[in-house]
């Protein structure tokens, strides 16, 4: 492959990896949920202590993340059949994100190592990838800021072909422990991490450019 093609391919793979990492990190970043339990007064509203709520949250995220867990079981929350189906669909989406995450980094490593060995790499892919990564926050920040509720609804209609995500608190009380405000904070964390990754890639580009000049 020519240098230009290699740079584009590496940039896309690195961007997929960065996006996958950001989503996976946010899902597993329990401190954010623990913070929101207090900040949103979830413990007082639901009459449950923070430890119990976090434990149930971890049960949900472990089910979504771990392929070994086939059925969702929350210690302190009942769940309807529709709720169970929705979480199965969420798990399927995260399975695809996992595939994207691991596939992109493995293929990236193979192409990068081969290209570096054959001296067909100039690190321009870092610049391209940084641009791709910053495009998502740039595109989403305005609609999120204007009307997150509407954006939230559109997101679910895009990724789910039913309305099972519209939980009834009487049959799926977990929805009270996972309010929209929490998902808004997750979105802010994702956008912040992408912006941080943009900065990191720009720094790496400057360092790599100097090293490339030294090597050549």
N, C-alpha and C. Protein backbone atom coordinates (compact mmCIF):
# COMPACT_ATOMS: atom_id res chain seq x y z
N UNK A 1 0.83 -1.21 0.00
CA UNK A 1 0.00 0.00 0.00
C UNK A 1 0.86 1.25 0.00
N UNK A 2 0.36 2.30 -0.64
CA UNK A 2 1.07 3.56 -0.66
C UNK A 2 0.94 4.25 0.70
N UNK A 3 1.88 5.17 0.96
CA UNK A 3 1.90 5.85 2.25
C UNK A 3 0.57 6.53 2.59
N UNK A 4 -0.04 7.18 1.59
CA UNK A 4 -1.29 7.90 1.82
C UNK A 4 -2.40 6.95 2.25
N UNK A 5 -2.49 5.83 1.56
CA UNK A 5 -3.51 4.83 1.90
C UNK A 5 -3.26 4.25 3.28
N UNK A 6 -2.00 3.98 3.58
CA UNK A 6 -1.64 3.45 4.90
C UNK A 6 -2.04 4.42 6.00
N UNK A 7 -1.76 5.69 5.78
CA UNK A 7 -2.11 6.71 6.78
C UNK A 7 -3.62 6.78 7.02
N UNK A 8 -4.40 6.72 5.96
CA UNK A 8 -5.86 6.79 6.09
C UNK A 8 -6.39 5.56 6.83
N UNK A 9 -5.90 4.39 6.45
CA UNK A 9 -6.34 3.14 7.09
C UNK A 9 -5.97 3.14 8.57
N UNK A 10 -4.73 3.51 8.89
CA UNK A 10 -4.29 3.57 10.29
C UNK A 10 -5.10 4.59 11.09
N UNK A 11 -5.40 5.72 10.46
CA UNK A 11 -6.18 6.77 11.13
C UNK A 11 -7.58 6.28 11.48
N UNK A 12 -8.22 5.61 10.54
CA UNK A 12 -9.58 5.08 10.77
C UNK A 12 -9.56 4.03 11.87
N UNK A 13 -8.59 3.12 11.80
CA UNK A 13 -8.49 2.06 12.82
C UNK A 13 -8.22 2.65 14.20
N UNK A 14 -7.33 3.63 14.27
CA UNK A 14 -7.01 4.26 15.55
C UNK A 14 -8.22 5.01 16.10
N UNK A 15 -9.00 5.63 15.22
CA UNK A 15 -10.20 6.36 15.64
C UNK A 15 -11.26 5.40 16.18
N UNK A 16 -11.43 4.26 15.52
CA UNK A 16 -12.37 3.24 16.00
C UNK A 16 -11.94 2.73 17.37
N UNK A 17 -10.65 2.49 17.53
CA UNK A 17 -10.13 2.02 18.80
C UNK A 17 -10.38 3.06 19.90
N UNK A 18 -10.09 4.32 19.61
CA UNK A 18 -10.26 5.39 20.58
C UNK A 18 -11.73 5.54 20.99
N UNK A 19 -12.63 5.45 20.01
CA UNK A 19 -14.06 5.56 20.30
C UNK A 19 -14.52 4.38 21.15
N UNK A 20 -14.08 3.17 20.77
CA UNK A 20 -14.44 1.98 21.54
C UNK A 20 -13.93 2.05 22.96
N UNK A 21 -12.68 2.48 23.10
CA UNK A 21 -12.09 2.63 24.44
C UNK A 21 -12.89 3.62 25.28
N UNK A 22 -13.26 4.74 24.68
CA UNK A 22 -13.99 5.79 25.40
C UNK A 22 -15.34 5.29 25.89
N UNK A 23 -16.06 4.58 25.03
CA UNK A 23 -17.38 4.06 25.41
C UNK A 23 -17.25 3.01 26.50
N UNK A 24 -16.29 2.09 26.35
CA UNK A 24 -16.08 1.04 27.34
C UNK A 24 -15.65 1.63 28.68
N UNK A 25 -14.78 2.63 28.64
CA UNK A 25 -14.32 3.27 29.87
C UNK A 25 -15.49 3.92 30.60
N UNK A 26 -16.32 4.62 29.85
CA UNK A 26 -17.47 5.32 30.45
C UNK A 26 -18.43 4.34 31.09
N UNK A 27 -18.71 3.24 30.41
CA UNK A 27 -19.62 2.23 30.95
C UNK A 27 -19.10 1.69 32.28
N UNK A 28 -17.79 1.47 32.36
CA UNK A 28 -17.20 0.84 33.54
C UNK A 28 -16.70 1.84 34.58
N UNK A 29 -16.91 3.13 34.32
CA UNK A 29 -16.43 4.14 35.26
C UNK A 29 -17.45 4.32 36.38
N UNK A 30 -17.45 3.38 37.29
CA UNK A 30 -18.40 3.37 38.41
C UNK A 30 -18.39 4.65 39.24
N UNK A 31 -17.22 5.31 39.44
CA UNK A 31 -17.22 6.55 40.22
C UNK A 31 -18.20 7.61 39.70
N UNK A 32 -18.44 7.64 38.40
CA UNK A 32 -19.40 8.61 37.86
C UNK A 32 -20.79 8.30 38.38
N UNK A 33 -21.17 7.01 38.35
CA UNK A 33 -22.50 6.64 38.85
C UNK A 33 -22.59 6.87 40.35
N UNK A 34 -21.53 6.53 41.08
CA UNK A 34 -21.52 6.74 42.53
C UNK A 34 -21.69 8.23 42.85
N UNK A 35 -21.05 9.07 42.05
CA UNK A 35 -21.19 10.52 42.23
C UNK A 35 -22.64 10.94 41.99
N UNK A 36 -23.24 10.41 40.93
CA UNK A 36 -24.60 10.81 40.58
C UNK A 36 -25.63 10.32 41.60
N UNK A 37 -25.34 9.21 42.25
CA UNK A 37 -26.25 8.74 43.30
C UNK A 37 -26.45 9.83 44.35
N UNK A 38 -25.35 10.48 44.72
CA UNK A 38 -25.42 11.57 45.70
C UNK A 38 -25.88 12.87 45.05
N UNK A 39 -25.32 13.19 43.89
CA UNK A 39 -25.61 14.47 43.24
C UNK A 39 -27.08 14.58 42.83
N UNK A 40 -27.66 13.46 42.37
CA UNK A 40 -29.06 13.45 41.93
C UNK A 40 -30.01 12.98 43.04
N UNK A 41 -29.46 12.72 44.22
CA UNK A 41 -30.25 12.27 45.38
C UNK A 41 -31.00 10.97 45.11
N UNK A 42 -30.38 10.08 44.35
CA UNK A 42 -31.04 8.81 44.02
C UNK A 42 -31.24 7.95 45.25
N UNK A 43 -30.29 7.99 46.15
CA UNK A 43 -30.40 7.17 47.36
C UNK A 43 -31.61 7.59 48.19
N UNK A 44 -31.85 8.90 48.30
CA UNK A 44 -32.99 9.39 49.08
C UNK A 44 -34.30 9.12 48.36
N UNK A 45 -34.32 9.33 47.04
CA UNK A 45 -35.55 9.13 46.27
C UNK A 45 -35.98 7.66 46.25
N UNK A 46 -35.00 6.76 46.19
CA UNK A 46 -35.31 5.33 46.08
C UNK A 46 -35.28 4.62 47.43
N UNK A 47 -34.81 5.31 48.45
CA UNK A 47 -34.75 4.69 49.77
C UNK A 47 -33.73 3.58 49.84
N UNK A 48 -32.64 3.70 49.07
CA UNK A 48 -31.57 2.71 49.06
C UNK A 48 -30.25 3.42 49.31
N UNK A 49 -29.35 2.77 50.01
CA UNK A 49 -28.04 3.39 50.24
C UNK A 49 -27.18 3.31 48.99
N UNK A 50 -26.14 4.12 48.95
CA UNK A 50 -25.27 4.20 47.77
C UNK A 50 -24.64 2.86 47.42
N UNK A 51 -24.21 2.12 48.42
CA UNK A 51 -23.56 0.82 48.19
C UNK A 51 -24.49 -0.13 47.43
N UNK A 52 -25.76 -0.14 47.84
CA UNK A 52 -26.74 -1.03 47.19
C UNK A 52 -26.98 -0.62 45.74
N UNK A 53 -27.13 0.68 45.52
CA UNK A 53 -27.36 1.17 44.16
C UNK A 53 -26.17 0.89 43.25
N UNK A 54 -24.98 1.12 43.74
CA UNK A 54 -23.77 0.86 42.95
C UNK A 54 -23.64 -0.63 42.66
N UNK A 55 -24.00 -1.47 43.63
CA UNK A 55 -23.94 -2.93 43.44
C UNK A 55 -24.86 -3.36 42.30
N UNK A 56 -26.06 -2.80 42.26
CA UNK A 56 -27.00 -3.13 41.18
C UNK A 56 -26.53 -2.58 39.84
N UNK A 57 -25.94 -1.39 39.88
CA UNK A 57 -25.37 -0.81 38.66
C UNK A 57 -24.27 -1.71 38.10
N UNK A 58 -23.42 -2.21 38.99
CA UNK A 58 -22.34 -3.11 38.57
C UNK A 58 -22.89 -4.40 38.00
N UNK A 59 -24.02 -4.86 38.53
CA UNK A 59 -24.64 -6.08 37.99
C UNK A 59 -25.05 -5.86 36.54
N UNK A 60 -25.57 -4.65 36.25
CA UNK A 60 -25.98 -4.31 34.88
C UNK A 60 -24.77 -4.21 33.96
N UNK A 61 -23.74 -3.47 34.39
CA UNK A 61 -22.57 -3.27 33.52
C UNK A 61 -21.78 -4.56 33.33
N UNK A 62 -21.71 -5.39 34.36
CA UNK A 62 -21.02 -6.68 34.21
C UNK A 62 -21.75 -7.56 33.20
N UNK A 63 -23.08 -7.54 33.25
CA UNK A 63 -23.87 -8.32 32.28
C UNK A 63 -23.61 -7.81 30.86
N UNK A 64 -23.60 -6.50 30.69
CA UNK A 64 -23.40 -5.91 29.36
C UNK A 64 -22.00 -6.22 28.83
N UNK A 65 -21.00 -6.15 29.70
CA UNK A 65 -19.61 -6.28 29.29
C UNK A 65 -19.12 -7.72 29.15
N UNK A 66 -19.56 -8.60 30.04
CA UNK A 66 -18.99 -9.94 30.11
C UNK A 66 -19.83 -10.96 29.34
N UNK A 67 -19.19 -11.58 28.37
CA UNK A 67 -19.89 -12.58 27.54
C UNK A 67 -20.25 -13.82 28.35
N UNK A 68 -19.55 -14.05 29.46
CA UNK A 68 -19.80 -15.23 30.29
C UNK A 68 -21.13 -15.12 31.05
N UNK A 69 -21.64 -13.90 31.23
CA UNK A 69 -22.91 -13.70 31.94
C UNK A 69 -24.04 -13.68 30.90
N UNK A 70 -24.84 -14.70 30.90
CA UNK A 70 -25.87 -14.86 29.87
C UNK A 70 -27.21 -14.24 30.25
N UNK A 71 -27.45 -14.04 31.54
CA UNK A 71 -28.74 -13.53 31.98
C UNK A 71 -28.53 -12.44 33.03
N UNK A 72 -29.24 -11.35 32.86
CA UNK A 72 -29.13 -10.24 33.79
C UNK A 72 -29.93 -10.54 35.06
N UNK A 73 -29.27 -10.36 36.19
CA UNK A 73 -29.93 -10.53 37.48
C UNK A 73 -29.50 -9.40 38.40
N UNK A 74 -30.44 -8.57 38.77
CA UNK A 74 -30.15 -7.46 39.68
C UNK A 74 -30.63 -7.82 41.09
N UNK A 75 -29.76 -7.71 42.07
CA UNK A 75 -30.10 -8.16 43.44
C UNK A 75 -31.33 -7.49 44.03
N UNK A 76 -31.55 -6.21 43.71
CA UNK A 76 -32.60 -5.47 44.41
C UNK A 76 -33.66 -4.86 43.50
N UNK A 77 -33.66 -5.27 42.23
CA UNK A 77 -34.65 -4.73 41.30
C UNK A 77 -35.30 -5.85 40.50
N UNK A 78 -36.63 -5.80 40.41
CA UNK A 78 -37.33 -6.74 39.55
C UNK A 78 -37.24 -6.25 38.11
N UNK A 79 -37.60 -7.12 37.17
CA UNK A 79 -37.46 -6.75 35.76
C UNK A 79 -38.54 -7.45 34.93
N UNK A 80 -39.14 -6.72 34.00
CA UNK A 80 -40.15 -7.29 33.11
C UNK A 80 -39.47 -7.99 31.94
N UNK A 81 -40.26 -8.72 31.17
CA UNK A 81 -39.73 -9.40 29.98
C UNK A 81 -39.23 -8.38 28.97
N UNK A 82 -39.97 -7.27 28.81
CA UNK A 82 -39.55 -6.22 27.89
C UNK A 82 -38.22 -5.60 28.34
N UNK A 83 -38.11 -5.40 29.65
CA UNK A 83 -36.86 -4.86 30.18
C UNK A 83 -35.69 -5.80 29.94
N UNK A 84 -35.94 -7.08 30.11
CA UNK A 84 -34.91 -8.09 29.87
C UNK A 84 -34.46 -8.07 28.41
N UNK A 85 -35.44 -7.95 27.50
CA UNK A 85 -35.12 -7.91 26.07
C UNK A 85 -34.29 -6.67 25.74
N UNK A 86 -34.67 -5.54 26.35
CA UNK A 86 -33.92 -4.31 26.08
C UNK A 86 -32.45 -4.45 26.50
N UNK A 87 -32.22 -5.00 27.67
CA UNK A 87 -30.84 -5.16 28.12
C UNK A 87 -30.08 -6.17 27.25
N UNK A 88 -30.79 -7.15 26.72
CA UNK A 88 -30.16 -8.09 25.79
C UNK A 88 -29.72 -7.35 24.52
N UNK A 89 -30.55 -6.42 24.07
CA UNK A 89 -30.22 -5.64 22.88
C UNK A 89 -29.04 -4.70 23.16
N UNK A 90 -29.02 -4.13 24.35
CA UNK A 90 -27.89 -3.27 24.74
C UNK A 90 -26.60 -4.10 24.77
N UNK A 91 -26.69 -5.29 25.32
CA UNK A 91 -25.52 -6.18 25.38
C UNK A 91 -25.03 -6.51 23.97
N UNK A 92 -25.96 -6.73 23.03
CA UNK A 92 -25.59 -7.04 21.65
C UNK A 92 -24.84 -5.86 21.01
N UNK A 93 -25.29 -4.63 21.31
CA UNK A 93 -24.60 -3.44 20.79
C UNK A 93 -23.19 -3.35 21.34
N UNK A 94 -23.05 -3.61 22.62
CA UNK A 94 -21.71 -3.54 23.23
C UNK A 94 -20.82 -4.69 22.76
N UNK A 95 -21.42 -5.81 22.37
CA UNK A 95 -20.63 -6.89 21.77
C UNK A 95 -19.99 -6.41 20.46
N UNK A 96 -20.75 -5.63 19.70
CA UNK A 96 -20.24 -5.08 18.45
C UNK A 96 -19.15 -4.04 18.72
N UNK A 97 -19.35 -3.25 19.77
CA UNK A 97 -18.33 -2.27 20.15
C UNK A 97 -17.06 -2.98 20.58
N UNK A 98 -17.21 -4.08 21.31
CA UNK A 98 -16.05 -4.88 21.73
C UNK A 98 -15.29 -5.41 20.51
N UNK A 99 -16.06 -5.91 19.54
CA UNK A 99 -15.43 -6.43 18.32
C UNK A 99 -14.67 -5.31 17.62
N UNK A 100 -15.30 -4.14 17.48
CA UNK A 100 -14.65 -2.99 16.85
C UNK A 100 -13.38 -2.61 17.61
N UNK A 101 -13.46 -2.61 18.92
CA UNK A 101 -12.34 -2.22 19.78
C UNK A 101 -11.14 -3.15 19.57
N UNK A 102 -11.36 -4.44 19.69
CA UNK A 102 -10.26 -5.40 19.60
C UNK A 102 -9.78 -5.59 18.16
N UNK A 103 -10.71 -5.65 17.22
CA UNK A 103 -10.33 -5.84 15.82
C UNK A 103 -9.50 -4.67 15.32
N UNK A 104 -9.92 -3.45 15.66
CA UNK A 104 -9.22 -2.26 15.16
C UNK A 104 -7.81 -2.16 15.72
N UNK A 105 -7.62 -2.47 16.99
CA UNK A 105 -6.27 -2.34 17.57
C UNK A 105 -5.34 -3.45 17.09
N UNK A 106 -5.88 -4.65 16.88
CA UNK A 106 -5.04 -5.75 16.38
C UNK A 106 -4.61 -5.47 14.94
N UNK A 107 -5.58 -5.06 14.10
CA UNK A 107 -5.26 -4.77 12.70
C UNK A 107 -4.34 -3.56 12.62
N UNK A 108 -4.58 -2.56 13.46
CA UNK A 108 -3.72 -1.38 13.50
C UNK A 108 -2.28 -1.78 13.82
N UNK A 109 -2.11 -2.61 14.83
CA UNK A 109 -0.77 -3.04 15.24
C UNK A 109 -0.06 -3.79 14.12
N UNK A 110 -0.78 -4.66 13.43
CA UNK A 110 -0.19 -5.45 12.34
C UNK A 110 0.28 -4.54 11.19
N UNK A 111 -0.59 -3.62 10.78
CA UNK A 111 -0.25 -2.71 9.68
C UNK A 111 0.87 -1.76 10.09
N UNK A 112 0.79 -1.24 11.32
CA UNK A 112 1.79 -0.30 11.80
C UNK A 112 3.18 -0.95 11.86
N UNK A 113 3.25 -2.12 12.44
CA UNK A 113 4.54 -2.83 12.58
C UNK A 113 5.13 -3.15 11.21
N UNK A 114 4.27 -3.65 10.31
CA UNK A 114 4.73 -4.00 8.95
C UNK A 114 5.20 -2.76 8.20
N UNK A 115 4.44 -1.68 8.31
CA UNK A 115 4.79 -0.44 7.60
C UNK A 115 6.07 0.17 8.16
N UNK A 116 6.22 0.13 9.46
CA UNK A 116 7.42 0.69 10.09
C UNK A 116 8.66 -0.12 9.69
N UNK A 117 8.48 -1.42 9.62
CA UNK A 117 9.59 -2.30 9.24
C UNK A 117 10.03 -2.02 7.81
N UNK A 118 9.04 -1.73 6.95
CA UNK A 118 9.33 -1.44 5.54
C UNK A 118 9.56 0.05 5.27
N UNK A 119 9.60 0.83 6.36
CA UNK A 119 9.82 2.28 6.28
C UNK A 119 8.80 2.97 5.38
N UNK A 120 7.53 2.56 5.52
CA UNK A 120 6.46 3.17 4.74
C UNK A 120 5.48 3.90 5.64
N UNK A 121 6.01 4.58 6.64
CA UNK A 121 5.14 5.27 7.57
C UNK A 121 5.76 6.62 7.94
N UNK A 122 4.92 7.66 7.99
CA UNK A 122 5.43 8.99 8.32
C UNK A 122 4.62 9.65 9.44
N UNK A 123 3.73 8.87 10.06
CA UNK A 123 2.96 9.30 11.24
C UNK A 123 1.91 10.37 10.95
N UNK A 124 1.60 10.60 9.67
CA UNK A 124 0.54 11.55 9.36
C UNK A 124 -0.83 11.03 9.80
N UNK A 125 -0.90 9.72 10.01
CA UNK A 125 -2.17 9.13 10.45
C UNK A 125 -2.61 9.69 11.81
N UNK A 126 -1.65 10.13 12.63
CA UNK A 126 -1.99 10.71 13.93
C UNK A 126 -2.77 12.01 13.76
N UNK A 127 -2.37 12.78 12.77
CA UNK A 127 -3.07 14.04 12.48
C UNK A 127 -4.47 13.76 11.94
N UNK A 128 -4.57 12.82 11.02
CA UNK A 128 -5.88 12.47 10.44
C UNK A 128 -6.81 11.92 11.51
N UNK A 129 -6.27 11.04 12.35
CA UNK A 129 -7.08 10.42 13.41
C UNK A 129 -7.57 11.46 14.41
N UNK A 130 -6.72 12.42 14.74
CA UNK A 130 -7.12 13.47 15.69
C UNK A 130 -8.30 14.27 15.14
N UNK A 131 -8.28 14.51 13.83
CA UNK A 131 -9.38 15.25 13.19
C UNK A 131 -10.67 14.43 13.21
N UNK A 132 -10.55 13.14 12.91
CA UNK A 132 -11.73 12.27 12.93
C UNK A 132 -12.32 12.19 14.33
N UNK A 133 -11.45 12.12 15.34
CA UNK A 133 -11.91 11.98 16.72
C UNK A 133 -12.62 13.25 17.20
N UNK A 134 -12.12 14.41 16.83
CA UNK A 134 -12.71 15.66 17.31
C UNK A 134 -14.01 16.00 16.58
N UNK A 135 -14.24 15.37 15.43
CA UNK A 135 -15.47 15.64 14.67
C UNK A 135 -16.72 15.22 15.43
N UNK A 136 -16.63 14.12 16.16
CA UNK A 136 -17.81 13.63 16.89
C UNK A 136 -18.27 14.60 17.97
N UNK A 137 -17.36 15.06 18.87
CA UNK A 137 -17.79 16.07 19.84
C UNK A 137 -18.31 17.34 19.17
N UNK A 138 -17.66 17.75 18.08
CA UNK A 138 -18.07 18.97 17.39
C UNK A 138 -19.49 18.84 16.83
N UNK A 139 -19.82 17.65 16.31
CA UNK A 139 -21.14 17.44 15.72
C UNK A 139 -22.23 17.24 16.77
N UNK A 140 -21.87 16.64 17.92
CA UNK A 140 -22.88 16.29 18.91
C UNK A 140 -23.08 17.33 20.00
N UNK A 141 -22.10 18.17 20.21
CA UNK A 141 -22.17 19.10 21.33
C UNK A 141 -23.36 20.06 21.22
N UNK A 142 -23.62 20.57 20.02
CA UNK A 142 -24.71 21.54 19.84
C UNK A 142 -26.08 20.90 20.10
N UNK A 143 -26.42 19.76 19.44
CA UNK A 143 -27.74 19.16 19.73
C UNK A 143 -27.89 18.71 21.18
N UNK A 144 -26.80 18.23 21.78
CA UNK A 144 -26.86 17.83 23.19
C UNK A 144 -27.15 19.03 24.08
N UNK A 145 -26.49 20.14 23.78
CA UNK A 145 -26.65 21.34 24.60
C UNK A 145 -28.03 21.96 24.41
N UNK A 146 -28.54 21.93 23.18
CA UNK A 146 -29.83 22.54 22.88
C UNK A 146 -30.98 21.73 23.48
N UNK A 147 -30.98 20.43 23.24
CA UNK A 147 -32.08 19.57 23.73
C UNK A 147 -31.58 18.14 23.87
N UNK A 148 -31.02 17.82 25.02
CA UNK A 148 -30.49 16.47 25.23
C UNK A 148 -31.61 15.44 25.22
N UNK A 149 -32.77 15.79 25.76
CA UNK A 149 -33.89 14.85 25.82
C UNK A 149 -34.27 14.37 24.42
N UNK A 150 -34.38 15.31 23.49
CA UNK A 150 -34.73 14.96 22.11
C UNK A 150 -33.62 14.13 21.47
N UNK A 151 -32.37 14.50 21.72
CA UNK A 151 -31.22 13.74 21.20
C UNK A 151 -31.22 12.33 21.76
N UNK A 152 -31.58 12.21 23.04
CA UNK A 152 -31.64 10.92 23.72
C UNK A 152 -32.68 10.01 23.06
N UNK A 153 -33.83 10.59 22.74
CA UNK A 153 -34.91 9.84 22.10
C UNK A 153 -34.49 9.40 20.69
N UNK A 154 -33.91 10.33 19.93
CA UNK A 154 -33.46 10.01 18.57
C UNK A 154 -32.42 8.91 18.58
N UNK A 155 -31.50 8.96 19.54
CA UNK A 155 -30.48 7.93 19.68
C UNK A 155 -31.12 6.55 19.84
N UNK A 156 -32.11 6.45 20.71
CA UNK A 156 -32.75 5.15 20.95
C UNK A 156 -33.54 4.67 19.74
N UNK A 157 -34.17 5.60 19.03
CA UNK A 157 -34.92 5.21 17.83
C UNK A 157 -33.98 4.74 16.73
N UNK A 158 -32.75 5.25 16.72
CA UNK A 158 -31.76 4.83 15.72
C UNK A 158 -31.25 3.42 15.98
N UNK A 159 -31.06 3.09 17.26
CA UNK A 159 -30.40 1.84 17.60
C UNK A 159 -31.35 0.72 18.05
N UNK A 160 -32.61 1.04 18.30
CA UNK A 160 -33.56 0.01 18.74
C UNK A 160 -34.82 0.09 17.88
N UNK A 161 -35.31 -1.09 17.49
CA UNK A 161 -36.49 -1.12 16.61
C UNK A 161 -37.78 -1.40 17.38
N UNK A 162 -37.76 -1.11 18.69
CA UNK A 162 -38.96 -1.25 19.52
C UNK A 162 -38.93 -0.14 20.58
N UNK A 163 -39.97 -0.13 21.41
CA UNK A 163 -40.03 0.91 22.44
C UNK A 163 -39.81 0.34 23.84
N UNK A 164 -39.10 -0.80 23.91
CA UNK A 164 -38.86 -1.43 25.21
C UNK A 164 -37.95 -0.57 26.10
N UNK A 165 -37.26 0.38 25.49
CA UNK A 165 -36.39 1.26 26.28
C UNK A 165 -37.20 2.29 27.08
N UNK A 166 -38.49 2.41 26.75
CA UNK A 166 -39.38 3.28 27.52
C UNK A 166 -39.90 2.49 28.73
N UNK A 167 -39.07 2.36 29.73
CA UNK A 167 -39.37 1.52 30.89
C UNK A 167 -40.55 2.07 31.70
N UNK A 168 -41.37 1.17 32.19
CA UNK A 168 -42.42 1.51 33.14
C UNK A 168 -41.84 1.29 34.54
N UNK A 169 -41.73 2.34 35.34
CA UNK A 169 -41.12 2.21 36.68
C UNK A 169 -41.80 1.17 37.57
N UNK A 170 -43.07 0.89 37.30
CA UNK A 170 -43.78 -0.09 38.14
C UNK A 170 -43.35 -1.51 37.84
N UNK A 171 -42.93 -1.77 36.61
CA UNK A 171 -42.47 -3.12 36.24
C UNK A 171 -40.95 -3.21 36.13
N UNK A 172 -40.30 -2.06 35.85
CA UNK A 172 -38.84 -2.01 35.74
C UNK A 172 -38.31 -0.82 36.54
N UNK A 173 -38.31 -0.94 37.85
CA UNK A 173 -37.91 0.19 38.70
C UNK A 173 -36.45 0.61 38.54
N UNK A 174 -35.64 -0.19 37.84
CA UNK A 174 -34.24 0.18 37.61
C UNK A 174 -34.14 1.51 36.87
N UNK A 175 -35.19 1.86 36.11
CA UNK A 175 -35.16 3.11 35.36
C UNK A 175 -35.05 4.31 36.30
N UNK A 176 -35.59 4.17 37.51
CA UNK A 176 -35.49 5.26 38.49
C UNK A 176 -34.07 5.42 39.00
N UNK A 177 -33.29 4.34 38.92
CA UNK A 177 -31.90 4.38 39.37
C UNK A 177 -30.96 4.78 38.23
N UNK A 178 -31.50 4.85 37.02
CA UNK A 178 -30.71 5.25 35.85
C UNK A 178 -31.44 6.38 35.12
N UNK A 179 -31.53 7.54 35.74
CA UNK A 179 -32.27 8.66 35.14
C UNK A 179 -31.54 9.25 33.93
N UNK A 180 -32.28 10.01 33.17
CA UNK A 180 -31.72 10.62 31.96
C UNK A 180 -30.51 11.51 32.29
N UNK A 181 -30.55 12.16 33.44
CA UNK A 181 -29.45 13.04 33.83
C UNK A 181 -28.13 12.28 33.92
N UNK A 182 -28.20 11.03 34.36
CA UNK A 182 -26.98 10.22 34.44
C UNK A 182 -26.42 9.97 33.04
N UNK A 183 -27.29 9.66 32.08
CA UNK A 183 -26.82 9.42 30.71
C UNK A 183 -26.29 10.71 30.08
N UNK A 184 -26.84 11.84 30.49
CA UNK A 184 -26.30 13.12 30.04
C UNK A 184 -24.87 13.29 30.53
N UNK A 185 -24.63 12.93 31.77
CA UNK A 185 -23.28 13.01 32.33
C UNK A 185 -22.34 12.02 31.64
N UNK A 186 -22.86 10.85 31.27
CA UNK A 186 -22.06 9.88 30.51
C UNK A 186 -21.66 10.47 29.16
N UNK A 187 -22.62 11.14 28.51
CA UNK A 187 -22.35 11.76 27.21
C UNK A 187 -21.28 12.83 27.35
N UNK A 188 -21.36 13.62 28.41
CA UNK A 188 -20.35 14.66 28.64
C UNK A 188 -18.97 14.04 28.88
N UNK A 189 -18.94 12.92 29.61
CA UNK A 189 -17.66 12.24 29.85
C UNK A 189 -17.08 11.71 28.54
N UNK A 190 -17.92 11.12 27.70
CA UNK A 190 -17.46 10.61 26.41
C UNK A 190 -16.89 11.73 25.55
N UNK A 191 -17.62 12.83 25.46
CA UNK A 191 -17.16 13.97 24.66
C UNK A 191 -15.86 14.55 25.23
N UNK A 192 -15.75 14.62 26.55
CA UNK A 192 -14.54 15.14 27.19
C UNK A 192 -13.34 14.26 26.92
N UNK A 193 -13.56 12.94 26.98
CA UNK A 193 -12.47 12.00 26.73
C UNK A 193 -12.01 12.06 25.27
N UNK A 194 -12.96 12.24 24.36
CA UNK A 194 -12.60 12.36 22.95
C UNK A 194 -11.77 13.62 22.71
N UNK A 195 -12.14 14.69 23.39
CA UNK A 195 -11.36 15.94 23.28
C UNK A 195 -9.96 15.73 23.85
N UNK A 196 -9.86 15.00 24.95
CA UNK A 196 -8.56 14.70 25.55
C UNK A 196 -7.72 13.84 24.61
N UNK A 197 -8.36 12.88 23.97
CA UNK A 197 -7.64 12.02 23.01
C UNK A 197 -7.16 12.84 21.81
N UNK A 198 -7.95 13.81 21.41
CA UNK A 198 -7.53 14.71 20.33
C UNK A 198 -6.23 15.43 20.71
N UNK A 199 -6.19 15.97 21.93
CA UNK A 199 -4.99 16.67 22.39
C UNK A 199 -3.79 15.73 22.46
N UNK A 200 -4.02 14.52 22.98
CA UNK A 200 -2.93 13.54 23.09
C UNK A 200 -2.37 13.18 21.72
N UNK A 201 -3.25 12.98 20.75
CA UNK A 201 -2.80 12.63 19.40
C UNK A 201 -2.02 13.76 18.74
N UNK A 202 -2.44 15.00 19.01
CA UNK A 202 -1.71 16.15 18.44
C UNK A 202 -0.30 16.23 19.04
N UNK A 203 -0.19 15.95 20.33
CA UNK A 203 1.12 15.94 20.98
C UNK A 203 1.98 14.81 20.43
N UNK A 204 1.35 13.64 20.29
CA UNK A 204 2.07 12.48 19.75
C UNK A 204 2.56 12.76 18.33
N UNK A 205 1.75 13.48 17.56
CA UNK A 205 2.14 13.82 16.18
C UNK A 205 3.41 14.66 16.17
N UNK A 206 3.48 15.65 17.05
CA UNK A 206 4.67 16.51 17.11
C UNK A 206 5.90 15.72 17.51
N UNK A 207 5.74 14.85 18.51
CA UNK A 207 6.86 14.02 18.98
C UNK A 207 7.30 13.05 17.89
N UNK A 208 6.32 12.42 17.23
CA UNK A 208 6.62 11.43 16.19
C UNK A 208 7.28 12.08 14.98
N UNK A 209 6.88 13.32 14.65
CA UNK A 209 7.47 14.02 13.51
C UNK A 209 8.96 14.28 13.75
N UNK A 210 9.29 14.66 14.97
CA UNK A 210 10.69 14.89 15.31
C UNK A 210 11.48 13.59 15.23
N UNK A 211 10.89 12.51 15.75
CA UNK A 211 11.56 11.21 15.73
C UNK A 211 11.74 10.72 14.28
N UNK A 212 10.71 10.97 13.45
CA UNK A 212 10.79 10.55 12.04
C UNK A 212 11.92 11.26 11.32
N UNK A 213 12.11 12.56 11.63
CA UNK A 213 13.19 13.31 11.01
C UNK A 213 14.56 12.77 11.44
N UNK A 214 14.65 12.39 12.72
CA UNK A 214 15.90 11.83 13.23
C UNK A 214 16.24 10.51 12.56
N UNK A 215 15.19 9.67 12.40
CA UNK A 215 15.39 8.33 11.82
C UNK A 215 15.71 8.41 10.35
N UNK A 216 15.29 9.50 9.70
CA UNK A 216 15.50 9.60 8.24
C UNK A 216 16.45 10.75 7.90
